[in-house]
Amino acid sequence: MSIKKKVKQYDALTEISALLGPVSFGELIRSLRISDEVSQTDLAEKLEISKQHLSAIENGRKSVSPARAARFAEALGYPEEQFVVAAIEDELRKAGVSIHFDFRKAAGA
């Protein structure tokens, strides 16, 4: 008889938001990079972007589309949902819309 153990996925966005409040996509990436003790150069290489581009993302000078956020999540081994939600919330903030997007509720989960 096999018993499947339900493993809860780590929700980086929720954990970081609980500590810091709402975070941008760049803040999420920077927090994960620092907590994993990875240099900007190494992370940029893994994401297939330049170090300068990564710096611009982390500092909020460049935004990331939801599609690119999903690719970044896959490359880093995090659930796509967390990165996509952060990217969408950035777009909402830039548009002046103060709505918190809850992907799980929107998806009916």
PDB file of N, CA and C in Angstrom:
ATOM      1  N   MET A   1       0.843  -1.167   0.000  1.00  0.00           N
ATOM      2  CA  MET A   1       0.000   0.000   0.000  1.00  0.00           C
ATOM      3  C   MET A   1       0.892   1.236   0.000  1.00  0.00           C
ATOM      4  N   SER A   2       0.580   2.149  -0.873  1.00  0.00           N
ATOM      5  CA  SER A   2       1.384   3.355  -0.989  1.00  0.00           C
ATOM      6  C   SER A   2       0.613   4.544  -0.442  1.00  0.00           C
ATOM      7  N   ILE A   3       1.274   5.294   0.379  1.00  0.00           N
ATOM      8  CA  ILE A   3       0.661   6.495   0.936  1.00  0.00           C
ATOM      9  C   ILE A   3       1.372   7.692   0.341  1.00  0.00           C
ATOM     10  N   LYS A   4       0.600   8.531  -0.335  1.00  0.00           N
ATOM     11  CA  LYS A   4       1.174   9.738  -0.904  1.00  0.00           C
ATOM     12  C   LYS A   4       1.120  10.845   0.136  1.00  0.00           C
ATOM     13  N   LYS A   5       2.244  11.443   0.351  1.00  0.00           N
ATOM     14  CA  LYS A   5       2.329  12.547   1.290  1.00  0.00           C
ATOM     15  C   LYS A   5       2.158  13.838   0.505  1.00  0.00           C
ATOM     16  N   LYS A   6       1.210  14.632   0.922  1.00  0.00           N
ATOM     17  CA  LYS A   6       0.984  15.900   0.233  1.00  0.00           C
ATOM     18  C   LYS A   6       2.043  16.888   0.702  1.00  0.00           C
ATOM     19  N   VAL A   7       2.853  17.354  -0.243  1.00  0.00           N
ATOM     20  CA  VAL A   7       3.929  18.289   0.060  1.00  0.00           C
ATOM     21  C   VAL A   7       3.485  19.687  -0.346  1.00  0.00           C
ATOM     22  N   LYS A   8       3.548  20.589   0.604  1.00  0.00           N
ATOM     23  CA  LYS A   8       3.172  21.968   0.324  1.00  0.00           C
ATOM     24  C   LYS A   8       4.337  22.659  -0.373  1.00  0.00           C
ATOM     25  N   GLN A   9       4.034  23.296  -1.522  1.00  0.00           N
ATOM     26  CA  GLN A   9       5.063  24.019  -2.250  1.00  0.00           C
ATOM     27  C   GLN A   9       5.401  25.299  -1.501  1.00  0.00           C
ATOM     28  N   TYR A  10       6.657  25.666  -1.533  1.00  0.00           N
ATOM     29  CA  TYR A  10       7.105  26.899  -0.928  1.00  0.00           C
ATOM     30  C   TYR A  10       6.569  28.064  -1.735  1.00  0.00           C
ATOM     31  N   ASP A  11       5.897  28.981  -1.091  1.00  0.00           N
ATOM     32  CA  ASP A  11       5.322  30.145  -1.757  1.00  0.00           C
ATOM     33  C   ASP A  11       6.166  31.363  -1.404  1.00  0.00           C
ATOM     34  N   ALA A  12       7.181  31.604  -2.224  1.00  0.00           N
ATOM     35  CA  ALA A  12       8.136  32.677  -1.964  1.00  0.00           C
ATOM     36  C   ALA A  12       7.459  34.032  -1.906  1.00  0.00           C
ATOM     37  N   LEU A  13       6.529  34.282  -2.805  1.00  0.00           N
ATOM     38  CA  LEU A  13       5.866  35.579  -2.854  1.00  0.00           C
ATOM     39  C   LEU A  13       5.100  35.848  -1.563  1.00  0.00           C
ATOM     40  N   THR A  14       4.380  34.861  -1.058  1.00  0.00           N
ATOM     41  CA  THR A  14       3.625  35.028   0.177  1.00  0.00           C
ATOM     42  C   THR A  14       4.563  35.240   1.357  1.00  0.00           C
ATOM     43  N   GLU A  15       5.631  34.463   1.425  1.00  0.00           N
ATOM     44  CA  GLU A  15       6.580  34.592   2.533  1.00  0.00           C
ATOM     45  C   GLU A  15       7.244  35.966   2.548  1.00  0.00           C
ATOM     46  N   ILE A  16       7.698  36.413   1.399  1.00  0.00           N
ATOM     47  CA  ILE A  16       8.377  37.709   1.327  1.00  0.00           C
ATOM     48  C   ILE A  16       7.380  38.834   1.577  1.00  0.00           C
ATOM     49  N   SER A  17       6.171  38.728   1.039  1.00  0.00           N
ATOM     50  CA  SER A  17       5.143  39.742   1.257  1.00  0.00           C
ATOM     51  C   SER A  17       4.756  39.829   2.725  1.00  0.00           C
ATOM     52  N   ALA A  18       4.745  38.682   3.412  1.00  0.00           N
ATOM     53  CA  ALA A  18       4.411  38.689   4.835  1.00  0.00           C
ATOM     54  C   ALA A  18       5.453  39.468   5.640  1.00  0.00           C
ATOM     55  N   LEU A  19       6.690  39.398   5.198  1.00  0.00           N
ATOM     56  CA  LEU A  19       7.765  40.115   5.902  1.00  0.00           C
ATOM     57  C   LEU A  19       7.846  41.584   5.501  1.00  0.00           C
ATOM     58  N   LEU A  20       7.675  41.861   4.225  1.00  0.00           N
ATOM     59  CA  LEU A  20       7.932  43.203   3.708  1.00  0.00           C
ATOM     60  C   LEU A  20       6.702  43.962   3.234  1.00  0.00           C
ATOM     61  N   GLY A  21       5.549  43.312   3.159  1.00  0.00           N
ATOM     62  CA  GLY A  21       4.392  43.930   2.525  1.00  0.00           C
ATOM     63  C   GLY A  21       4.437  43.620   1.044  1.00  0.00           C
ATOM     64  N   PRO A  22       3.573  44.259   0.259  1.00  0.00           N
ATOM     65  CA  PRO A  22       3.564  43.976  -1.179  1.00  0.00           C
ATOM     66  C   PRO A  22       4.940  44.234  -1.800  1.00  0.00           C
ATOM     67  N   VAL A  23       5.387  43.305  -2.610  1.00  0.00           N
ATOM     68  CA  VAL A  23       6.705  43.440  -3.235  1.00  0.00           C
ATOM     69  C   VAL A  23       6.573  43.445  -4.748  1.00  0.00           C
ATOM     70  N   SER A  24       7.499  44.115  -5.386  1.00  0.00           N
ATOM     71  CA  SER A  24       7.538  44.124  -6.849  1.00  0.00           C
ATOM     72  C   SER A  24       8.211  42.841  -7.332  1.00  0.00           C
ATOM     73  N   PHE A  25       8.115  42.614  -8.624  1.00  0.00           N
ATOM     74  CA  PHE A  25       8.783  41.458  -9.204  1.00  0.00           C
ATOM     75  C   PHE A  25      10.288  41.546  -8.958  1.00  0.00           C
ATOM     76  N   GLY A  26      10.843  42.730  -9.150  1.00  0.00           N
ATOM     77  CA  GLY A  26      12.286  42.923  -8.936  1.00  0.00           C
ATOM     78  C   GLY A  26      12.702  42.645  -7.504  1.00  0.00           C
ATOM     79  N   GLU A  27      11.883  43.088  -6.553  1.00  0.00           N
ATOM     80  CA  GLU A  27      12.192  42.834  -5.137  1.00  0.00           C
ATOM     81  C   GLU A  27      12.121  41.342  -4.833  1.00  0.00           C
ATOM     82  N   LEU A  28      11.172  40.659  -5.458  1.00  0.00           N
ATOM     83  CA  LEU A  28      11.057  39.213  -5.281  1.00  0.00           C
ATOM     84  C   LEU A  28      12.314  38.515  -5.783  1.00  0.00           C
ATOM     85  N   ILE A  29      12.745  38.871  -6.997  1.00  0.00           N
ATOM     86  CA  ILE A  29      13.931  38.248  -7.586  1.00  0.00           C
ATOM     87  C   ILE A  29      15.166  38.542  -6.727  1.00  0.00           C
ATOM     88  N   ARG A  30      15.336  39.802  -6.325  1.00  0.00           N
ATOM     89  CA  ARG A  30      16.494  40.172  -5.501  1.00  0.00           C
ATOM     90  C   ARG A  30      16.491  39.398  -4.178  1.00  0.00           C
ATOM     91  N   SER A  31      15.335  39.320  -3.523  1.00  0.00           N
ATOM     92  CA  SER A  31      15.244  38.601  -2.243  1.00  0.00           C
ATOM     93  C   SER A  31      15.615  37.134  -2.392  1.00  0.00           C
ATOM     94  N   LEU A  32      15.112  36.509  -3.455  1.00  0.00           N
ATOM     95  CA  LEU A  32      15.433  35.098  -3.685  1.00  0.00           C
ATOM     96  C   LEU A  32      16.909  34.925  -4.010  1.00  0.00           C
ATOM     97  N   ARG A  33      17.457  35.826  -4.819  1.00  0.00           N
ATOM     98  CA  ARG A  33      18.874  35.743  -5.193  1.00  0.00           C
ATOM     99  C   ARG A  33      19.769  35.878  -3.967  1.00  0.00           C
ATOM    100  N   ILE A  34      19.464  36.839  -3.119  1.00  0.00           N
ATOM    101  CA  ILE A  34      20.276  37.069  -1.922  1.00  0.00           C
ATOM    102  C   ILE A  34      20.128  35.905  -0.940  1.00  0.00           C
ATOM    103  N   SER A  35      18.896  35.427  -0.759  1.00  0.00           N
ATOM    104  CA  SER A  35      18.708  34.313   0.183  1.00  0.00           C
ATOM    105  C   SER A  35      19.382  33.038  -0.306  1.00  0.00           C
ATOM    106  N   ASP A  36      19.489  32.888  -1.631  1.00  0.00           N
ATOM    107  CA  ASP A  36      20.175  31.721  -2.196  1.00  0.00           C
ATOM    108  C   ASP A  36      21.679  31.946  -2.345  1.00  0.00           C
ATOM    109  N   GLU A  37      22.129  33.157  -1.956  1.00  0.00           N
ATOM    110  CA  GLU A  37      23.544  33.528  -2.020  1.00  0.00           C
ATOM    111  C   GLU A  37      24.118  33.349  -3.429  1.00  0.00           C
ATOM    112  N   VAL A  38      23.393  33.908  -4.398  1.00  0.00           N
ATOM    113  CA  VAL A  38      23.788  33.841  -5.803  1.00  0.00           C
ATOM    114  C   VAL A  38      24.131  35.253  -6.258  1.00  0.00           C
ATOM    115  N   SER A  39      25.197  35.384  -7.012  1.00  0.00           N
ATOM    116  CA  SER A  39      25.584  36.703  -7.516  1.00  0.00           C
ATOM    117  C   SER A  39      24.655  37.119  -8.652  1.00  0.00           C
ATOM    118  N   GLN A  40      24.609  38.420  -8.916  1.00  0.00           N
ATOM    119  CA  GLN A  40      23.823  38.903 -10.056  1.00  0.00           C
ATOM    120  C   GLN A  40      24.332  38.289 -11.357  1.00  0.00           C
ATOM    121  N   THR A  41      25.635  38.178 -11.478  1.00  0.00           N
ATOM    122  CA  THR A  41      26.221  37.611 -12.695  1.00  0.00           C
ATOM    123  C   THR A  41      25.743  36.179 -12.912  1.00  0.00           C
ATOM    124  N   ASP A  42      25.796  35.359 -11.864  1.00  0.00           N
ATOM    125  CA  ASP A  42      25.382  33.960 -11.993  1.00  0.00           C
ATOM    126  C   ASP A  42      23.886  33.831 -12.266  1.00  0.00           C
ATOM    127  N   LEU A  43      23.084  34.646 -11.577  1.00  0.00           N
ATOM    128  CA  LEU A  43      21.641  34.576 -11.802  1.00  0.00           C
ATOM    129  C   LEU A  43      21.287  35.050 -13.210  1.00  0.00           C
ATOM    130  N   ALA A  44      21.913  36.131 -13.649  1.00  0.00           N
ATOM    131  CA  ALA A  44      21.659  36.646 -14.997  1.00  0.00           C
ATOM    132  C   ALA A  44      21.978  35.578 -16.045  1.00  0.00           C
ATOM    133  N   GLU A  45      23.073  34.888 -15.842  1.00  0.00           N
ATOM    134  CA  GLU A  45      23.462  33.822 -16.771  1.00  0.00           C
ATOM    135  C   GLU A  45      22.400  32.727 -16.804  1.00  0.00           C
ATOM    136  N   LYS A  46      21.910  32.357 -15.630  1.00  0.00           N
ATOM    137  CA  LYS A  46      20.892  31.311 -15.560  1.00  0.00           C
ATOM    138  C   LYS A  46      19.589  31.748 -16.242  1.00  0.00           C
ATOM    139  N   LEU A  47      19.279  33.048 -16.151  1.00  0.00           N
ATOM    140  CA  LEU A  47      18.061  33.578 -16.763  1.00  0.00           C
ATOM    141  C   LEU A  47      18.259  33.958 -18.231  1.00  0.00           C
ATOM    142  N   GLU A  48      19.504  33.840 -18.695  1.00  0.00           N
ATOM    143  CA  GLU A  48      19.873  34.172 -20.078  1.00  0.00           C
ATOM    144  C   GLU A  48      19.613  35.641 -20.406  1.00  0.00           C
ATOM    145  N   ILE A  49      19.990  36.510 -19.448  1.00  0.00           N
ATOM    146  CA  ILE A  49      19.928  37.956 -19.645  1.00  0.00           C
ATOM    147  C   ILE A  49      21.248  38.543 -19.156  1.00  0.00           C
ATOM    148  N   SER A  50      21.491  39.808 -19.458  1.00  0.00           N
ATOM    149  CA  SER A  50      22.728  40.433 -18.994  1.00  0.00           C
ATOM    150  C   SER A  50      22.612  40.817 -17.515  1.00  0.00           C
ATOM    151  N   LYS A  51      23.761  40.979 -16.894  1.00  0.00           N
ATOM    152  CA  LYS A  51      23.785  41.425 -15.496  1.00  0.00           C
ATOM    153  C   LYS A  51      23.130  42.801 -15.381  1.00  0.00           C
ATOM    154  N   GLN A  52      23.352  43.656 -16.368  1.00  0.00           N
ATOM    155  CA  GLN A  52      22.772  44.995 -16.359  1.00  0.00           C
ATOM    156  C   GLN A  52      21.242  44.933 -16.430  1.00  0.00           C
ATOM    157  N   HIS A  53      20.736  44.016 -17.248  1.00  0.00           N
ATOM    158  CA  HIS A  53      19.284  43.859 -17.358  1.00  0.00           C
ATOM    159  C   HIS A  53      18.712  43.356 -16.041  1.00  0.00           C
ATOM    160  N   LEU A  54      19.381  42.388 -15.421  1.00  0.00           N
ATOM    161  CA  LEU A  54      18.930  41.878 -14.130  1.00  0.00           C
ATOM    162  C   LEU A  54      18.928  42.990 -13.089  1.00  0.00           C
ATOM    163  N   SER A  55      19.969  43.795 -13.067  1.00  0.00           N
ATOM    164  CA  SER A  55      20.039  44.916 -12.128  1.00  0.00           C
ATOM    165  C   SER A  55      18.868  45.869 -12.354  1.00  0.00           C
ATOM    166  N   ALA A  56      18.556  46.151 -13.619  1.00  0.00           N
ATOM    167  CA  ALA A  56      17.439  47.049 -13.930  1.00  0.00           C
ATOM    168  C   ALA A  56      16.103  46.459 -13.470  1.00  0.00           C
ATOM    169  N   ILE A  57      15.946  45.145 -13.596  1.00  0.00           N
ATOM    170  CA  ILE A  57      14.723  44.481 -13.117  1.00  0.00           C
ATOM    171  C   ILE A  57      14.654  44.580 -11.597  1.00  0.00           C
ATOM    172  N   GLU A  58      15.740  44.221 -10.923  1.00  0.00           N
ATOM    173  CA  GLU A  58      15.755  44.244  -9.458  1.00  0.00           C
ATOM    174  C   GLU A  58      15.489  45.641  -8.896  1.00  0.00           C
ATOM    175  N   ASN A  59      15.918  46.656  -9.610  1.00  0.00           N
ATOM    176  CA  ASN A  59      15.757  48.032  -9.130  1.00  0.00           C
ATOM    177  C   ASN A  59      14.522  48.729  -9.691  1.00  0.00           C
ATOM    178  N   GLY A  60      13.665  47.983 -10.388  1.00  0.00           N
ATOM    179  CA  GLY A  60      12.401  48.516 -10.868  1.00  0.00           C
ATOM    180  C   GLY A  60      12.495  49.421 -12.087  1.00  0.00           C
ATOM    181  N   ARG A  61      13.642  49.430 -12.747  1.00  0.00           N
ATOM    182  CA  ARG A  61      13.784  50.254 -13.953  1.00  0.00           C
ATOM    183  C   ARG A  61      13.280  49.535 -15.196  1.00  0.00           C
ATOM    184  N   LYS A  62      13.203  48.231 -15.146  1.00  0.00           N
ATOM    185  CA  LYS A  62      12.672  47.413 -16.251  1.00  0.00           C
ATOM    186  C   LYS A  62      11.582  46.521 -15.674  1.00  0.00           C
ATOM    187  N   SER A  63      10.531  46.351 -16.455  1.00  0.00           N
ATOM    188  CA  SER A  63       9.475  45.437 -16.021  1.00  0.00           C
ATOM    189  C   SER A  63       9.606  44.117 -16.769  1.00  0.00           C
ATOM    190  N   VAL A  64       8.879  43.142 -16.304  1.00  0.00           N
ATOM    191  CA  VAL A  64       8.921  41.799 -16.874  1.00  0.00           C
ATOM    192  C   VAL A  64       7.488  41.396 -17.206  1.00  0.00           C
ATOM    193  N   SER A  65       7.279  40.906 -18.405  1.00  0.00           N
ATOM    194  CA  SER A  65       5.945  40.445 -18.796  1.00  0.00           C
ATOM    195  C   SER A  65       5.594  39.177 -18.022  1.00  0.00           C
ATOM    196  N   PRO A  66       4.307  38.897 -17.880  1.00  0.00           N
ATOM    197  CA  PRO A  66       3.924  37.640 -17.220  1.00  0.00           C
ATOM    198  C   PRO A  66       4.532  36.408 -17.892  1.00  0.00           C
ATOM    199  N   ALA A  67       4.635  36.420 -19.228  1.00  0.00           N
ATOM    200  CA  ALA A  67       5.224  35.274 -19.933  1.00  0.00           C
ATOM    201  C   ALA A  67       6.694  35.099 -19.575  1.00  0.00           C
ATOM    202  N   ARG A  68       7.423  36.207 -19.533  1.00  0.00           N
ATOM    203  CA  ARG A  68       8.841  36.127 -19.172  1.00  0.00           C
ATOM    204  C   ARG A  68       8.995  35.743 -17.695  1.00  0.00           C
ATOM    205  N   ALA A  69       8.109  36.236 -16.847  1.00  0.00           N
ATOM    206  CA  ALA A  69       8.138  35.869 -15.424  1.00  0.00           C
ATOM    207  C   ALA A  69       7.978  34.359 -15.276  1.00  0.00           C
ATOM    208  N   ALA A  70       7.092  33.768 -16.075  1.00  0.00           N
ATOM    209  CA  ALA A  70       6.891  32.312 -16.036  1.00  0.00           C
ATOM    210  C   ALA A  70       8.158  31.580 -16.457  1.00  0.00           C
ATOM    211  N   ARG A  71       8.848  32.092 -17.490  1.00  0.00           N
ATOM    212  CA  ARG A  71      10.109  31.458 -17.931  1.00  0.00           C
ATOM    213  C   ARG A  71      11.175  31.564 -16.837  1.00  0.00           C
ATOM    214  N   PHE A  72      11.232  32.714 -16.163  1.00  0.00           N
ATOM    215  CA  PHE A  72      12.194  32.886 -15.073  1.00  0.00           C
ATOM    216  C   PHE A  72      11.905  31.886 -13.957  1.00  0.00           C
ATOM    217  N   ALA A  73      10.627  31.726 -13.603  1.00  0.00           N
ATOM    218  CA  ALA A  73      10.249  30.785 -12.544  1.00  0.00           C
ATOM    219  C   ALA A  73      10.698  29.373 -12.896  1.00  0.00           C
ATOM    220  N   GLU A  74      10.461  28.990 -14.132  1.00  0.00           N
ATOM    221  CA  GLU A  74      10.861  27.646 -14.577  1.00  0.00           C
ATOM    222  C   GLU A  74      12.377  27.480 -14.485  1.00  0.00           C
ATOM    223  N   ALA A  75      13.114  28.490 -14.931  1.00  0.00           N
ATOM    224  CA  ALA A  75      14.580  28.416 -14.906  1.00  0.00           C
ATOM    225  C   ALA A  75      15.119  28.315 -13.478  1.00  0.00           C
ATOM    226  N   LEU A  76      14.400  28.917 -12.529  1.00  0.00           N
ATOM    227  CA  LEU A  76      14.871  28.938 -11.141  1.00  0.00           C
ATOM    228  C   LEU A  76      14.241  27.855 -10.270  1.00  0.00           C
ATOM    229  N   GLY A  77      13.273  27.121 -10.820  1.00  0.00           N
ATOM    230  CA  GLY A  77      12.658  26.026 -10.075  1.00  0.00           C
ATOM    231  C   GLY A  77      11.580  26.455  -9.094  1.00  0.00           C
ATOM    232  N   TYR A  78      10.931  27.593  -9.357  1.00  0.00           N
ATOM    233  CA  TYR A  78       9.838  28.061  -8.510  1.00  0.00           C
ATOM    234  C   TYR A  78       8.533  27.910  -9.281  1.00  0.00           C
ATOM    235  N   PRO A  79       7.404  27.812  -8.568  1.00  0.00           N
ATOM    236  CA  PRO A  79       6.115  27.734  -9.258  1.00  0.00           C
ATOM    237  C   PRO A  79       5.877  28.994 -10.096  1.00  0.00           C
ATOM    238  N   GLU A  80       5.431  28.804 -11.320  1.00  0.00           N
ATOM    239  CA  GLU A  80       5.192  29.926 -12.235  1.00  0.00           C
ATOM    240  C   GLU A  80       4.219  30.938 -11.643  1.00  0.00           C
ATOM    241  N   GLU A  81       3.207  30.452 -10.962  1.00  0.00           N
ATOM    242  CA  GLU A  81       2.144  31.305 -10.424  1.00  0.00           C
ATOM    243  C   GLU A  81       2.708  32.464  -9.607  1.00  0.00           C
ATOM    244  N   GLN A  82       3.681  32.186  -8.751  1.00  0.00           N
ATOM    245  CA  GLN A  82       4.232  33.219  -7.870  1.00  0.00           C
ATOM    246  C   GLN A  82       4.878  34.347  -8.666  1.00  0.00           C
ATOM    247  N   PHE A  83       5.647  33.995  -9.658  1.00  0.00           N
ATOM    248  CA  PHE A  83       6.348  35.000 -10.455  1.00  0.00           C
ATOM    249  C   PHE A  83       5.377  35.764 -11.349  1.00  0.00           C
ATOM    250  N   VAL A  84       4.411  35.055 -11.929  1.00  0.00           N
ATOM    251  CA  VAL A  84       3.435  35.696 -12.800  1.00  0.00           C
ATOM    252  C   VAL A  84       2.582  36.682 -12.010  1.00  0.00           C
ATOM    253  N   VAL A  85       2.148  36.300 -10.824  1.00  0.00           N
ATOM    254  CA  VAL A  85       1.358  37.201  -9.980  1.00  0.00           C
ATOM    255  C   VAL A  85       2.147  38.471  -9.677  1.00  0.00           C
ATOM    256  N   ALA A  86       3.411  38.336  -9.331  1.00  0.00           N
ATOM    257  CA  ALA A  86       4.243  39.512  -9.041  1.00  0.00           C
ATOM    258  C   ALA A  86       4.361  40.411 -10.269  1.00  0.00           C
ATOM    259  N   ALA A  87       4.528  39.829 -11.448  1.00  0.00           N
ATOM    260  CA  ALA A  87       4.636  40.618 -12.685  1.00  0.00           C
ATOM    261  C   ALA A  87       3.320  41.331 -12.995  1.00  0.00           C
ATOM    262  N   ILE A  88       2.197  40.645 -12.806  1.00  0.00           N
ATOM    263  CA  ILE A  88       0.889  41.258 -13.057  1.00  0.00           C
ATOM    264  C   ILE A  88       0.635  42.387 -12.064  1.00  0.00           C
ATOM    265  N   GLU A  89       0.975  42.167 -10.803  1.00  0.00           N
ATOM    266  CA  GLU A  89       0.778  43.222  -9.810  1.00  0.00           C
ATOM    267  C   GLU A  89       1.633  44.443 -10.121  1.00  0.00           C
ATOM    268  N   ASP A  90       2.824  44.252 -10.656  1.00  0.00           N
ATOM    269  CA  ASP A  90       3.649  45.383 -11.100  1.00  0.00           C
ATOM    270  C   ASP A  90       2.919  46.176 -12.179  1.00  0.00           C
ATOM    271  N   GLU A  91       2.347  45.461 -13.143  1.00  0.00           N
ATOM    272  CA  GLU A  91       1.620  46.132 -14.224  1.00  0.00           C
ATOM    273  C   GLU A  91       0.428  46.920 -13.678  1.00  0.00           C
ATOM    274  N   LEU A  92      -0.292  46.336 -12.721  1.00  0.00           N
ATOM    275  CA  LEU A  92      -1.434  47.022 -12.114  1.00  0.00           C
ATOM    276  C   LEU A  92      -0.992  48.292 -11.387  1.00  0.00           C
ATOM    277  N   ARG A  93       0.102  48.186 -10.608  1.00  0.00           N
ATOM    278  CA  ARG A  93       0.612  49.366  -9.890  1.00  0.00           C
ATOM    279  C   ARG A  93       1.024  50.463 -10.867  1.00  0.00           C
ATOM    280  N   LYS A  94       1.704  50.093 -11.933  1.00  0.00           N
ATOM    281  CA  LYS A  94       2.140  51.080 -12.930  1.00  0.00           C
ATOM    282  C   LYS A  94       0.953  51.745 -13.619  1.00  0.00           C
ATOM    283  N   ALA A  95      -0.158  51.033 -13.727  1.00  0.00           N
ATOM    284  CA  ALA A  95      -1.359  51.585 -14.345  1.00  0.00           C
ATOM    285  C   ALA A  95      -2.186  52.395 -13.339  1.00  0.00           C
ATOM    286  N   GLY A  96      -1.725  52.443 -12.091  1.00  0.00           N
ATOM    287  CA  GLY A  96      -2.439  53.201 -11.073  1.00  0.00           C
ATOM    288  C   GLY A  96      -3.636  52.470 -10.494  1.00  0.00           C
ATOM    289  N   VAL A  97      -3.672  51.167 -10.696  1.00  0.00           N
ATOM    290  CA  VAL A  97      -4.774  50.358 -10.188  1.00  0.00           C
ATOM    291  C   VAL A  97      -4.323  49.700  -8.886  1.00  0.00           C
ATOM    292  N   SER A  98      -4.984  50.053  -7.795  1.00  0.00           N
ATOM    293  CA  SER A  98      -4.559  49.511  -6.497  1.00  0.00           C
ATOM    294  C   SER A  98      -5.405  48.297  -6.118  1.00  0.00           C
ATOM    295  N   ILE A  99      -5.242  47.251  -6.897  1.00  0.00           N
ATOM    296  CA  ILE A  99      -5.944  45.990  -6.659  1.00  0.00           C
ATOM    297  C   ILE A  99      -4.898  44.909  -6.442  1.00  0.00           C
ATOM    298  N   HIS A 100      -5.086  44.130  -5.375  1.00  0.00           N
ATOM    299  CA  HIS A 100      -4.209  42.976  -5.141  1.00  0.00           C
ATOM    300  C   HIS A 100      -4.785  41.816  -5.926  1.00  0.00           C
ATOM    301  N   PHE A 101      -3.996  41.238  -6.793  1.00  0.00           N
ATOM    302  CA  PHE A 101      -4.427  40.138  -7.645  1.00  0.00           C
ATOM    303  C   PHE A 101      -4.158  38.830  -6.930  1.00  0.00           C
ATOM    304  N   ASP A 102      -5.210  38.070  -6.646  1.00  0.00           N
ATOM    305  CA  ASP A 102      -5.067  36.762  -6.009  1.00  0.00           C
ATOM    306  C   ASP A 102      -5.353  35.706  -7.068  1.00  0.00           C
ATOM    307  N   PHE A 103      -4.296  35.153  -7.625  1.00  0.00           N
ATOM    308  CA  PHE A 103      -4.397  34.204  -8.729  1.00  0.00           C
ATOM    309  C   PHE A 103      -5.248  32.989  -8.348  1.00  0.00           C
ATOM    310  N   ARG A 104      -5.083  32.490  -7.125  1.00  0.00           N
ATOM    311  CA  ARG A 104      -5.821  31.283  -6.718  1.00  0.00           C
ATOM    312  C   ARG A 104      -7.333  31.545  -6.711  1.00  0.00           C
ATOM    313  N   LYS A 105      -7.752  32.707  -6.214  1.00  0.00           N
ATOM    314  CA  LYS A 105      -9.191  33.026  -6.209  1.00  0.00           C
ATOM    315  C   LYS A 105      -9.692  33.233  -7.629  1.00  0.00           C
ATOM    316  N   ALA A 106      -8.916  33.915  -8.448  1.00  0.00           N
ATOM    317  CA  ALA A 106      -9.326  34.182  -9.825  1.00  0.00           C
ATOM    318  C   ALA A 106      -9.472  32.881 -10.610  1.00  0.00           C
ATOM    319  N   ALA A 107      -8.645  31.903 -10.272  1.00  0.00           N
ATOM    320  CA  ALA A 107      -8.673  30.625 -10.983  1.00  0.00           C
ATOM    321  C   ALA A 107      -9.716  29.678 -10.403  1.00  0.00           C
ATOM    322  N   GLY A 108     -10.396  30.106  -9.322  1.00  0.00           N
ATOM    323  CA  GLY A 108     -11.418  29.275  -8.711  1.00  0.00           C
ATOM    324  C   GLY A 108     -10.865  28.196  -7.816  1.00  0.00           C
ATOM    325  N   ALA A 109      -9.603  28.348  -7.392  1.00  0.00           N
ATOM    326  CA  ALA A 109      -8.989  27.330  -6.520  1.00  0.00           C
ATOM    327  C   ALA A 109      -9.358  27.552  -5.074  1.00  0.00           C
TER     328      ALA A 109
END
